[in-house]
Protein backbone atom coordinates (compact mmCIF):
# COMPACT_ATOMS: atom_id res chain seq x y z
CA MET A 1 28.85 41.90 5.03
CA ALA A 2 27.99 43.97 1.99
CA ALA A 3 30.66 46.16 0.48
CA GLN A 4 29.87 49.83 0.42
CA LYS A 5 30.68 51.79 -2.71
CA PRO A 6 31.87 55.37 -2.38
CA ARG A 7 29.52 57.99 -3.76
CA ALA A 8 30.70 59.09 -7.16
CA GLY A 9 28.67 62.28 -7.18
CA ASP A 10 25.02 63.01 -7.45
CA GLY A 11 24.88 63.07 -11.22
CA PRO A 12 22.67 65.04 -13.57
CA LEU A 13 18.91 65.12 -13.85
CA GLU A 14 17.95 61.79 -15.41
CA VAL A 15 14.67 60.46 -16.77
CA VAL A 16 14.37 56.88 -18.02
CA LYS A 17 11.50 54.66 -19.11
CA GLU A 18 11.23 51.37 -17.19
CA GLY A 19 8.31 49.22 -18.20
CA ARG A 20 5.11 51.25 -17.90
CA SER A 21 6.68 53.79 -15.54
CA THR A 22 8.98 56.73 -15.94
CA ILE A 23 11.80 57.07 -13.40
CA MET A 24 13.08 60.58 -12.63
CA ARG A 25 16.29 61.11 -10.66
CA ILE A 26 16.59 64.72 -9.58
CA PRO A 27 19.76 66.05 -7.86
CA VAL A 28 18.92 67.87 -4.62
CA GLU A 29 20.76 70.59 -2.79
CA GLY A 30 22.96 69.16 -0.07
CA GLY A 31 23.71 65.94 -1.96
CA GLY A 32 21.86 62.90 -3.14
CA ARG A 33 19.06 62.53 -5.65
CA LEU A 34 15.32 62.41 -5.32
CA VAL A 35 13.99 59.37 -7.19
CA LEU A 36 10.38 59.43 -8.41
CA GLU A 37 8.42 56.76 -10.25
CA ILE A 38 5.62 58.34 -12.25
CA SER A 39 2.93 56.96 -14.53
CA PRO A 40 2.46 58.11 -18.14
CA GLU A 41 -0.50 60.24 -17.01
CA GLU A 42 1.58 61.91 -14.30
CA ALA A 43 4.42 62.50 -16.79
CA GLN A 44 1.97 64.22 -19.18
CA THR A 45 0.62 66.39 -16.36
CA LEU A 46 4.18 67.34 -15.39
CA LEU A 47 4.97 68.20 -19.02
CA ASP A 48 1.85 70.35 -19.30
CA GLN A 49 2.74 72.23 -16.12
CA LEU A 50 6.36 72.77 -17.17
CA VAL A 51 5.28 74.09 -20.59
CA THR A 52 2.94 76.51 -18.79
CA VAL A 53 5.79 77.84 -16.64
CA VAL A 54 8.76 77.64 -19.04
CA GLY A 55 7.08 77.74 -22.42
CA ASP A 56 7.41 75.35 -25.32
CA GLU A 57 10.97 75.98 -26.55
CA ARG A 58 11.39 72.82 -28.61
């Protein structure tokens, strides 16, 4: 029987590079995190869209 670990919280927004993919972990309302695996092309498209909405504040 596998031991279950208690949830230590949902954690912050996290983006990490794993191999050729980018993994995004996004906290969601109500608990838990949405985990997305996106390609470099999808990451660039997401960046372009976010810059359009938020602006380039770097």
